[in-house]
């Protein structure tokens, strides 16, 4: 377990400085969100009622150990976002499903996944408590306010979640930027306030919302940019964290590709030590967050996250000076992945669903910008007269990646097995 030992007698500015320059271990803070009275009342049902008919994409996957899971995945296999299904729906639809209030439509024999393959569905039936009737408490223009309207009552089959058994599947509204989702709901944005950590003026517009059912999870990965503050508002979430020094033990992979995320090939909860023997040396830290807890995740710390019960949390990624260098590295990776992910099926397998494949010229422009930002780092020697000041061209990039040093590194990596599936290097 991890626990903060920060002296609360210190100022918020001192805490901010420590977050940016000193803390290198995960820490859990208590009592820092006591003033978030409105946000701390956001149960999954409450936040769904507040957001009502706002539409978003929900990630859906069979729960581990269910018949649906056994039919879709292998045991001890890491599940990536590209292997999940995705549903476009309203938060009110999610609320009905979360409360198990949907009268199931007849189960289809097969469902179509994101890659247009098919899988058998197991028989579904209602379980648990009797179905609850969805409260329709709001009237008005729901497309503008995001609230439910009495004028729209759908048949059960209109709910996109109705195909998924509540007991067999989990669903997740993850990575939802509040500046977009709540752009017309200022009161929700202002309900989040990170000033207790010294980040004055940082609120919901700088935060991301996560709403999931029990079992909803994020595969083990580390964020290439910044550090992270995560506030648990409702329910409990399990975090399994590993230090950057354990990267070799976690078999990193950039496939599927997501800018700013490096994934582990290992199912860290049920590892296959025959396939991934080095994982046995990894040093895991585990913590269960409860409402009111705030977790600090340092730069490049690996983490796997799972909802132990229906849960709501928000986070904010804090920018660091090292991001300038990491953006250059991400720009190089994006170009290489995009060049090879040209076929439609390859793109679906390699690119995370939230990734956009830009044309090569656009990627070169983005890399040029990142390089120019990197050269402005005051800790670097002066770059006056450097060609980087004018950006780079495709020819510059090709010359760089085909240089003797780079090619030798690629050959060395492939010879040691780093290019094989399940054996990525850090």
Protein backbone atom coordinates (compact mmCIF):
# COMPACT_ATOMS: atom_id res chain seq x y z
CA UNK A 1 0.00 0.00 0.00
CA UNK A 2 1.06 3.61 -0.47
CA UNK A 3 0.31 6.50 1.85
CA UNK A 4 1.25 10.17 1.90
CA UNK A 5 3.46 11.46 4.69
CA UNK A 6 3.21 15.08 3.58
CA UNK A 7 3.15 17.59 6.40
CA UNK A 8 -0.16 19.47 5.99
CA UNK A 9 1.34 22.42 7.87
CA UNK A 10 3.29 23.23 4.71
CA UNK A 11 1.75 25.63 2.22
CA UNK A 12 -0.05 24.60 -0.95
CA UNK A 13 2.72 26.24 -2.96
CA UNK A 14 5.28 24.03 -1.22
CA UNK A 15 3.12 20.99 -2.00
CA UNK A 16 2.93 22.02 -5.65
CA UNK A 17 6.71 22.36 -5.82
CA UNK A 18 7.13 18.92 -4.25
CA UNK A 19 4.75 17.36 -6.79
CA UNK A 20 6.64 18.95 -9.67
CA UNK A 21 10.22 18.33 -8.48
CA UNK A 22 10.50 16.03 -5.45
CA UNK A 23 7.94 13.24 -5.19
CA UNK A 24 9.09 10.11 -7.00
CA UNK A 25 6.84 7.57 -5.28
CA UNK A 26 3.04 7.13 -5.49
CA UNK A 27 1.26 8.89 -2.62
CA UNK A 28 -2.32 8.84 -1.35
CA UNK A 29 -3.63 12.08 0.14
CA UNK A 30 -6.58 12.19 2.55
CA UNK A 31 -8.97 15.09 3.10
CA UNK A 32 -7.83 17.17 0.13
CA UNK A 33 -11.27 17.08 -1.54
CA UNK A 34 -13.40 17.81 1.54
CA UNK A 35 -14.45 21.12 -0.02
CA UNK A 36 -15.71 19.38 -3.19
CA UNK A 37 -19.22 19.11 -1.77
CA UNK A 38 -21.02 18.93 -5.12
CA UNK A 39 -18.56 16.59 -6.84
CA UNK A 40 -18.32 14.25 -3.86
CA UNK A 41 -22.05 13.53 -4.31
CA UNK A 42 -21.55 12.25 -7.86
CA UNK A 43 -22.52 8.62 -7.62
CA UNK A 44 -22.63 6.83 -10.99
CA UNK A 45 -26.41 7.28 -11.05
CA UNK A 46 -26.19 10.95 -10.03
CA UNK A 47 -23.60 11.84 -12.68
CA UNK A 48 -25.68 10.01 -15.30
CA UNK A 49 -28.73 12.05 -14.29
CA UNK A 50 -26.70 15.26 -14.49
CA UNK A 51 -25.37 14.41 -17.94
CA UNK A 52 -28.62 12.75 -19.04
CA UNK A 53 -28.96 12.71 -22.80
CA UNK A 54 -25.40 13.76 -23.57
CA UNK A 55 -23.92 11.24 -25.96
CA UNK A 56 -20.49 9.64 -25.69
CA UNK A 57 -18.63 6.43 -26.46
CA UNK A 58 -18.66 3.67 -23.85
CA UNK A 59 -16.12 0.85 -23.79
CA UNK A 60 -17.64 -2.59 -23.11
CA UNK A 61 -15.94 -5.90 -22.34
CA UNK A 62 -16.86 -9.25 -20.72
CA UNK A 63 -16.05 -9.52 -17.03
CA UNK A 64 -13.18 -11.83 -16.16
CA UNK A 65 -14.33 -15.36 -15.32
CA UNK A 66 -17.69 -15.15 -17.10
CA UNK A 67 -18.76 -17.41 -19.93
CA UNK A 68 -18.67 -14.42 -22.26
CA UNK A 69 -15.04 -13.78 -21.29
CA UNK A 70 -14.03 -17.41 -21.84
CA UNK A 71 -15.58 -17.34 -25.30
CA UNK A 72 -13.78 -14.13 -26.29
CA UNK A 73 -10.33 -14.26 -24.67
CA UNK A 74 -7.56 -16.60 -23.64
CA UNK A 75 -6.63 -17.11 -20.01
CA UNK A 76 -3.77 -14.90 -18.76
CA UNK A 77 -4.04 -12.63 -21.79
CA UNK A 78 -3.68 -8.86 -21.50
CA UNK A 79 -6.82 -7.21 -22.90
CA UNK A 80 -6.24 -4.05 -24.90
CA UNK A 81 -8.73 -1.38 -25.96
CA UNK A 82 -8.65 -2.65 -29.54
CA UNK A 83 -10.18 -5.93 -28.33
CA UNK A 84 -13.13 -4.28 -26.58
CA UNK A 85 -16.47 -3.31 -28.07
CA UNK A 86 -17.73 0.26 -28.25
CA UNK A 87 -21.22 1.66 -27.90
CA UNK A 88 -22.42 5.16 -28.74
CA UNK A 89 -25.08 6.07 -26.22
CA UNK A 90 -26.51 8.53 -23.75
CA UNK A 91 -25.61 8.62 -20.10
CA UNK A 92 -29.31 7.96 -19.42
CA UNK A 93 -28.94 4.68 -21.37
CA UNK A 94 -25.93 3.76 -19.25
CA UNK A 95 -27.89 4.59 -16.08
CA UNK A 96 -30.72 2.24 -17.06
CA UNK A 97 -28.24 -0.54 -17.70
CA UNK A 98 -26.25 0.21 -14.56
CA UNK A 99 -29.41 -0.05 -12.45
CA UNK A 100 -30.35 -3.25 -14.31
CA UNK A 101 -33.58 -1.57 -15.30
CA UNK A 102 -33.64 -2.70 -18.91
CA UNK A 103 -36.12 -5.37 -19.92
CA UNK A 104 -33.79 -7.39 -22.12
CA UNK A 105 -34.54 -7.61 -25.79
CA UNK A 106 -34.21 -11.03 -27.37
CA UNK A 107 -30.53 -11.93 -27.36
CA UNK A 108 -28.99 -11.91 -30.84
CA UNK A 109 -27.08 -15.01 -31.78
CA UNK A 110 -24.01 -13.02 -32.70
CA UNK A 111 -22.70 -9.54 -32.13
CA UNK A 112 -20.36 -7.57 -34.37
CA UNK A 113 -17.19 -6.28 -32.74
CA UNK A 114 -15.10 -3.27 -33.72
CA UNK A 115 -13.05 -5.31 -36.19
CA UNK A 116 -16.21 -6.74 -37.83
CA UNK A 117 -15.62 -10.24 -36.48
CA UNK A 118 -18.37 -12.13 -34.70
CA UNK A 119 -18.62 -13.83 -31.34
CA UNK A 120 -21.33 -15.95 -29.80
CA UNK A 121 -23.44 -14.40 -27.06
CA UNK A 122 -24.37 -16.36 -23.96
CA UNK A 123 -28.04 -16.48 -22.89
CA UNK A 124 -28.97 -13.42 -20.84
CA UNK A 125 -31.47 -13.01 -18.04
CA UNK A 126 -32.14 -10.47 -15.35
CA UNK A 127 -30.39 -11.08 -12.06
CA UNK A 128 -30.34 -9.46 -8.65
CA UNK A 129 -32.83 -6.87 -7.49
CA UNK A 130 -36.13 -6.20 -9.28
CA UNK A 131 -35.83 -3.71 -12.11
CA UNK A 132 -35.92 -0.09 -11.00
CA UNK A 133 -37.85 2.49 -12.95
CA UNK A 134 -35.67 5.27 -14.33
CA UNK A 135 -36.46 8.58 -12.73
CA UNK A 136 -37.48 11.28 -15.18
CA UNK A 137 -36.92 14.38 -13.11
CA UNK A 138 -36.07 17.02 -15.68
CA UNK A 139 -37.89 18.68 -18.51
CA UNK A 140 -36.71 20.99 -21.27
CA UNK A 141 -34.35 20.88 -24.19
CA UNK A 142 -32.27 17.85 -23.23
CA UNK A 143 -29.86 18.25 -26.15
CA UNK A 144 -28.77 21.59 -24.70
CA UNK A 145 -28.88 20.85 -20.99
CA UNK A 146 -27.89 17.20 -21.03
CA UNK A 147 -30.86 16.39 -18.76
CA UNK A 148 -33.59 13.84 -19.20
CA UNK A 149 -36.87 14.79 -20.81
CA UNK A 150 -40.27 13.28 -20.06
CA UNK A 151 -41.13 13.65 -23.72
CA UNK A 152 -38.67 10.97 -24.77
CA UNK A 153 -39.53 7.50 -23.53
CA UNK A 154 -37.76 4.77 -25.48
CA UNK A 155 -38.61 1.14 -25.90
CA UNK A 156 -36.05 -1.16 -24.23
CA UNK A 157 -34.58 -2.22 -27.58
CA UNK A 158 -33.61 1.41 -28.27
CA UNK A 159 -31.06 1.24 -25.47
CA UNK A 160 -27.68 0.26 -27.00
CA UNK A 161 -26.69 -1.48 -23.77
CA UNK A 162 -29.64 -3.88 -23.89
CA UNK A 163 -27.60 -6.54 -25.69
CA UNK A 164 -25.12 -6.80 -22.83
CA UNK A 165 -25.92 -8.72 -19.66
CA UNK A 166 -25.26 -6.60 -16.59
CA UNK A 167 -23.80 -9.65 -14.83
CA UNK A 168 -21.56 -10.67 -17.74
CA UNK A 169 -20.17 -7.35 -18.98
CA UNK A 170 -18.64 -4.15 -17.68
CA UNK A 171 -18.98 -0.72 -19.28
CA UNK A 172 -16.77 2.35 -18.97
CA UNK A 173 -17.08 6.00 -19.91
CA UNK A 174 -13.33 6.65 -19.72
CA UNK A 175 -11.00 9.47 -20.74
CA UNK A 176 -13.90 11.96 -20.95
CA UNK A 177 -12.48 15.47 -21.06
CA UNK A 178 -14.80 17.65 -19.00
CA UNK A 179 -14.00 20.72 -21.10
CA UNK A 180 -15.76 18.94 -23.98
CA UNK A 181 -18.34 16.78 -22.22
CA UNK A 182 -19.44 19.56 -19.83
CA UNK A 183 -18.74 22.55 -22.06
CA UNK A 184 -22.23 23.95 -21.38
CA UNK A 185 -22.32 22.95 -17.70
CA UNK A 186 -20.05 25.38 -15.87
CA UNK A 187 -21.26 24.23 -12.45
CA UNK A 188 -19.80 20.76 -13.09
CA UNK A 189 -16.47 22.17 -14.20
CA UNK A 190 -16.22 24.42 -11.14
CA UNK A 191 -17.06 21.52 -8.82
CA UNK A 192 -13.49 20.29 -9.35
CA UNK A 193 -10.77 22.39 -7.71
CA UNK A 194 -7.12 21.32 -7.50
CA UNK A 195 -5.99 24.40 -5.54
CA UNK A 196 -5.43 22.31 -2.37
CA UNK A 197 -2.40 20.91 -4.22
CA UNK A 198 -1.15 24.35 -5.20
CA UNK A 199 -2.59 24.31 -8.72
CA UNK A 200 -4.74 27.40 -8.44
CA UNK A 201 -7.20 27.93 -11.28
CA UNK A 202 -7.02 24.28 -12.36
CA UNK A 203 -10.56 22.87 -12.31
CA UNK A 204 -12.86 20.63 -14.33
CA UNK A 205 -11.85 22.16 -17.66
CA UNK A 206 -8.39 20.71 -16.99
CA UNK A 207 -9.72 17.35 -15.78
CA UNK A 208 -10.92 14.03 -17.14
CA UNK A 209 -13.99 12.10 -15.97
CA UNK A 210 -14.18 8.31 -15.50
CA UNK A 211 -17.48 6.50 -14.83
CA UNK A 212 -17.50 2.70 -14.79
CA UNK A 213 -19.35 -0.36 -13.57
CA UNK A 214 -17.67 -2.97 -11.39
CA UNK A 215 -14.95 -4.80 -13.31
CA UNK A 216 -14.26 -1.88 -15.66
CA UNK A 217 -10.52 -1.57 -16.09
CA UNK A 218 -7.65 0.12 -17.89
CA UNK A 219 -4.78 -2.12 -19.09
CA UNK A 220 -1.39 -1.70 -17.49
CA UNK A 221 0.51 1.20 -19.05
CA UNK A 222 2.51 4.30 -18.27
CA UNK A 223 1.85 7.86 -19.44
CA UNK A 224 4.70 9.37 -21.41
CA UNK A 225 3.75 12.92 -20.42
CA UNK A 226 3.60 14.57 -17.01
CA UNK A 227 2.47 13.24 -13.67
CA UNK A 228 -1.06 12.51 -12.50
CA UNK A 229 -3.44 13.42 -9.68
CA UNK A 230 -6.51 11.15 -9.40
CA UNK A 231 -9.45 11.96 -7.10
CA UNK A 232 -11.83 9.15 -6.18
CA UNK A 233 -15.36 10.59 -5.90
CA UNK A 234 -17.52 7.46 -5.54
CA UNK A 235 -16.93 3.73 -5.16
CA UNK A 236 -13.60 1.97 -4.81
CA UNK A 237 -10.85 1.49 -7.37
CA UNK A 238 -7.89 -0.84 -7.25
CA UNK A 239 -4.56 0.47 -8.52
CA UNK A 240 -1.53 -1.76 -9.18
CA UNK A 241 1.60 0.32 -9.78
CA UNK A 242 5.16 -0.48 -10.86
CA UNK A 243 8.22 1.83 -10.87
CA UNK A 244 9.90 2.91 -14.12
CA UNK A 245 12.87 0.68 -13.26
CA UNK A 246 10.59 -2.34 -13.78
CA UNK A 247 9.93 -1.51 -17.44
CA UNK A 248 11.97 -4.44 -18.74
CA UNK A 249 9.92 -6.79 -16.54
CA UNK A 250 6.62 -5.51 -17.96
CA UNK A 251 7.42 -6.24 -21.62
CA UNK A 252 6.45 -2.83 -23.05
CA UNK A 253 4.73 -2.55 -26.43
CA UNK A 254 3.65 0.37 -28.62
CA UNK A 255 1.01 -1.77 -30.29
CA UNK A 256 -1.76 -0.89 -30.03
CA UNK A 257 -0.51 2.67 -30.47
CA UNK A 258 -1.86 5.51 -28.39
CA UNK A 259 -0.01 8.77 -28.14
CA UNK A 260 1.27 9.25 -24.59
CA UNK A 261 0.66 5.61 -23.53
CA UNK A 262 3.08 2.68 -23.46
CA UNK A 263 1.28 -0.60 -22.70
CA UNK A 264 2.46 -3.75 -20.95
CA UNK A 265 2.07 -7.08 -22.77
CA UNK A 266 1.42 -8.78 -19.42
CA UNK A 267 -1.88 -9.42 -17.66
CA UNK A 268 -0.46 -8.10 -14.41
CA UNK A 269 -3.28 -9.59 -12.30
CA UNK A 270 -2.94 -13.09 -13.78
CA UNK A 271 0.54 -13.18 -15.34
CA UNK A 272 1.74 -16.00 -17.56
CA UNK A 273 5.23 -16.46 -16.13
CA UNK A 274 6.11 -19.05 -18.75
CA UNK A 275 5.66 -16.47 -21.49
CA UNK A 276 6.81 -13.48 -19.40
CA UNK A 277 9.35 -14.86 -16.87
CA UNK A 278 10.95 -11.49 -16.11
CA UNK A 279 7.64 -10.24 -14.67
CA UNK A 280 8.40 -12.27 -11.53
CA UNK A 281 11.02 -9.63 -10.69
CA UNK A 282 8.57 -6.71 -10.90
CA UNK A 283 7.90 -4.84 -7.65
CA UNK A 284 4.20 -4.06 -7.47
CA UNK A 285 2.59 -1.48 -5.20
CA UNK A 286 -1.14 -1.89 -4.68
CA UNK A 287 -3.68 0.54 -3.26
CA UNK A 288 -7.47 0.63 -3.14
CA UNK A 289 -8.81 4.17 -3.42
CA UNK A 290 -11.95 5.08 -1.47
CA UNK A 291 -14.10 8.20 -1.87
CA UNK A 292 -12.12 11.27 -0.84
CA UNK A 293 -8.71 9.76 -1.61
CA UNK A 294 -6.37 11.45 -4.10
CA UNK A 295 -3.58 9.40 -5.65
CA UNK A 296 -0.40 11.00 -6.97
CA UNK A 297 1.13 8.98 -9.82
CA UNK A 298 4.72 10.07 -10.59
CA UNK A 299 6.13 10.39 -14.09
CA UNK A 300 6.45 7.12 -16.02
CA UNK A 301 5.04 4.90 -13.26
CA UNK A 302 3.16 1.93 -14.68
CA UNK A 303 -0.42 1.41 -13.50
CA UNK A 304 -3.33 -0.98 -13.93
CA UNK A 305 -6.71 0.31 -12.71
CA UNK A 306 -9.93 -1.61 -11.96
CA UNK A 307 -13.31 -0.55 -10.57
CA UNK A 308 -14.17 -2.81 -7.62
CA UNK A 309 -17.71 -1.43 -7.65
CA UNK A 310 -19.55 1.19 -9.73
CA UNK A 311 -17.20 4.14 -9.45
CA UNK A 312 -16.63 7.75 -10.43
CA UNK A 313 -13.27 9.52 -10.45
CA UNK A 314 -11.59 12.53 -12.01
CA UNK A 315 -7.96 13.17 -12.77
CA UNK A 316 -5.69 15.91 -14.03
CA UNK A 317 -2.38 15.41 -15.80
CA UNK A 318 0.25 17.86 -14.59
CA UNK A 319 2.69 19.12 -17.20
CA UNK A 320 6.43 18.66 -16.53
CA UNK A 321 9.53 20.19 -18.18
CA UNK A 322 10.50 16.69 -19.38
CA UNK A 323 7.38 16.62 -21.58
CA UNK A 324 9.21 18.59 -24.28
CA UNK A 325 11.65 15.73 -24.84
CA UNK A 326 8.94 13.08 -24.57
CA UNK A 327 6.88 14.84 -27.26
CA UNK A 328 9.77 14.45 -29.69
CA UNK A 329 9.95 10.72 -28.95
CA UNK A 330 6.18 10.40 -29.37
CA UNK A 331 6.39 12.25 -32.68
CA UNK A 332 8.93 9.75 -33.99
CA UNK A 333 6.83 6.76 -32.87
CA UNK A 334 3.66 8.23 -34.38
CA UNK A 335 5.34 8.58 -37.79
CA UNK A 336 6.71 5.03 -37.75
CA UNK A 337 3.41 3.45 -36.68
CA UNK A 338 1.35 5.54 -39.10
CA UNK A 339 3.59 4.64 -42.04
CA UNK A 340 3.04 0.92 -41.47
CA UNK A 341 -0.63 1.11 -40.40
CA UNK A 342 -1.79 1.84 -43.93
CA UNK A 343 -4.13 -1.11 -44.47
CA UNK A 344 -7.61 -0.85 -42.96
CA UNK A 345 -7.33 -4.04 -40.92
CA UNK A 346 -3.83 -3.17 -39.74
CA UNK A 347 -5.04 0.23 -38.61
CA UNK A 348 -7.84 -1.33 -36.53
CA UNK A 349 -5.44 -3.73 -34.85
CA UNK A 350 -2.60 -1.27 -34.29
CA UNK A 351 -4.32 2.00 -33.45
CA UNK A 352 -6.27 2.58 -30.26
CA UNK A 353 -9.90 3.59 -30.98
CA UNK A 354 -9.33 7.16 -29.80
CA UNK A 355 -6.31 7.67 -32.08
CA UNK A 356 -6.49 9.62 -35.34
CA UNK A 357 -4.16 8.61 -38.17
CA UNK A 358 -2.73 11.80 -39.67
CA UNK A 359 -1.15 12.07 -43.12
CA UNK A 360 2.63 11.76 -43.16
CA UNK A 361 3.13 15.46 -43.94
CA UNK A 362 1.04 16.43 -40.89
CA UNK A 363 3.05 14.08 -38.67
CA UNK A 364 6.30 15.63 -39.94
CA UNK A 365 4.94 19.09 -39.08
CA UNK A 366 4.03 17.90 -35.55
CA UNK A 367 7.50 16.45 -35.08
CA UNK A 368 9.08 19.69 -36.30
CA UNK A 369 7.08 21.64 -33.74
CA UNK A 370 8.08 19.23 -30.95
CA UNK A 371 11.75 19.48 -31.90
CA UNK A 372 11.62 23.27 -31.91
CA UNK A 373 9.99 23.27 -28.47
CA UNK A 374 12.68 20.88 -27.26
CA UNK A 375 15.50 23.14 -28.45
CA UNK A 376 14.04 26.04 -26.47
CA UNK A 377 14.72 24.16 -23.23
CA UNK A 378 16.95 26.54 -21.21
CA UNK A 379 18.91 23.58 -19.86
CA UNK A 380 20.14 22.71 -23.36
CA UNK A 381 23.14 24.34 -25.04
CA UNK A 382 22.35 27.15 -27.45
CA UNK A 383 21.08 25.92 -30.83
CA UNK A 384 21.65 29.13 -32.75
CA UNK A 385 22.15 28.32 -36.40
CA UNK A 386 20.72 24.81 -36.02
CA UNK A 387 18.58 23.61 -38.95
CA UNK A 388 15.96 22.62 -36.37
CA UNK A 389 14.99 26.25 -36.10
CA UNK A 390 13.44 25.90 -39.55
CA UNK A 391 11.85 22.53 -38.79
CA UNK A 392 12.61 19.21 -40.47
CA UNK A 393 11.59 17.64 -43.74
CA UNK A 394 10.72 14.06 -44.69
CA UNK A 395 14.25 13.73 -46.04
CA UNK A 396 15.68 14.81 -42.66
CA UNK A 397 13.58 12.16 -40.91
CA UNK A 398 14.60 9.38 -43.32
CA UNK A 399 18.28 10.31 -42.93
CA UNK A 400 17.93 10.17 -39.14
CA UNK A 401 16.17 6.79 -38.93
CA UNK A 402 18.49 5.20 -41.52
CA UNK A 403 21.68 6.42 -39.85
CA UNK A 404 24.17 3.70 -38.95
CA UNK A 405 23.61 4.18 -35.22
CA UNK A 406 19.81 3.88 -35.46
CA UNK A 407 19.86 0.89 -37.83
CA UNK A 408 22.35 -0.88 -35.58
CA UNK A 409 20.07 -0.35 -32.58
CA UNK A 410 17.10 -1.77 -34.52
CA UNK A 411 19.08 -4.83 -35.60
CA UNK A 412 20.33 -5.38 -32.05
CA UNK A 413 16.80 -5.11 -30.67
CA UNK A 414 15.43 -7.62 -33.18
CA UNK A 415 18.27 -10.09 -32.54
CA UNK A 416 17.60 -10.09 -28.81
CA UNK A 417 13.92 -10.78 -29.46
CA UNK A 418 12.57 -7.31 -28.72
CA UNK A 419 10.66 -7.29 -31.98
CA UNK A 420 8.78 -10.50 -31.22
CA UNK A 421 5.20 -10.29 -29.98
CA UNK A 422 5.16 -10.13 -26.22
CA UNK A 423 8.80 -9.15 -25.83
CA UNK A 424 9.00 -5.38 -26.21
CA UNK A 425 11.95 -3.43 -24.87
CA UNK A 426 11.54 -0.32 -22.68
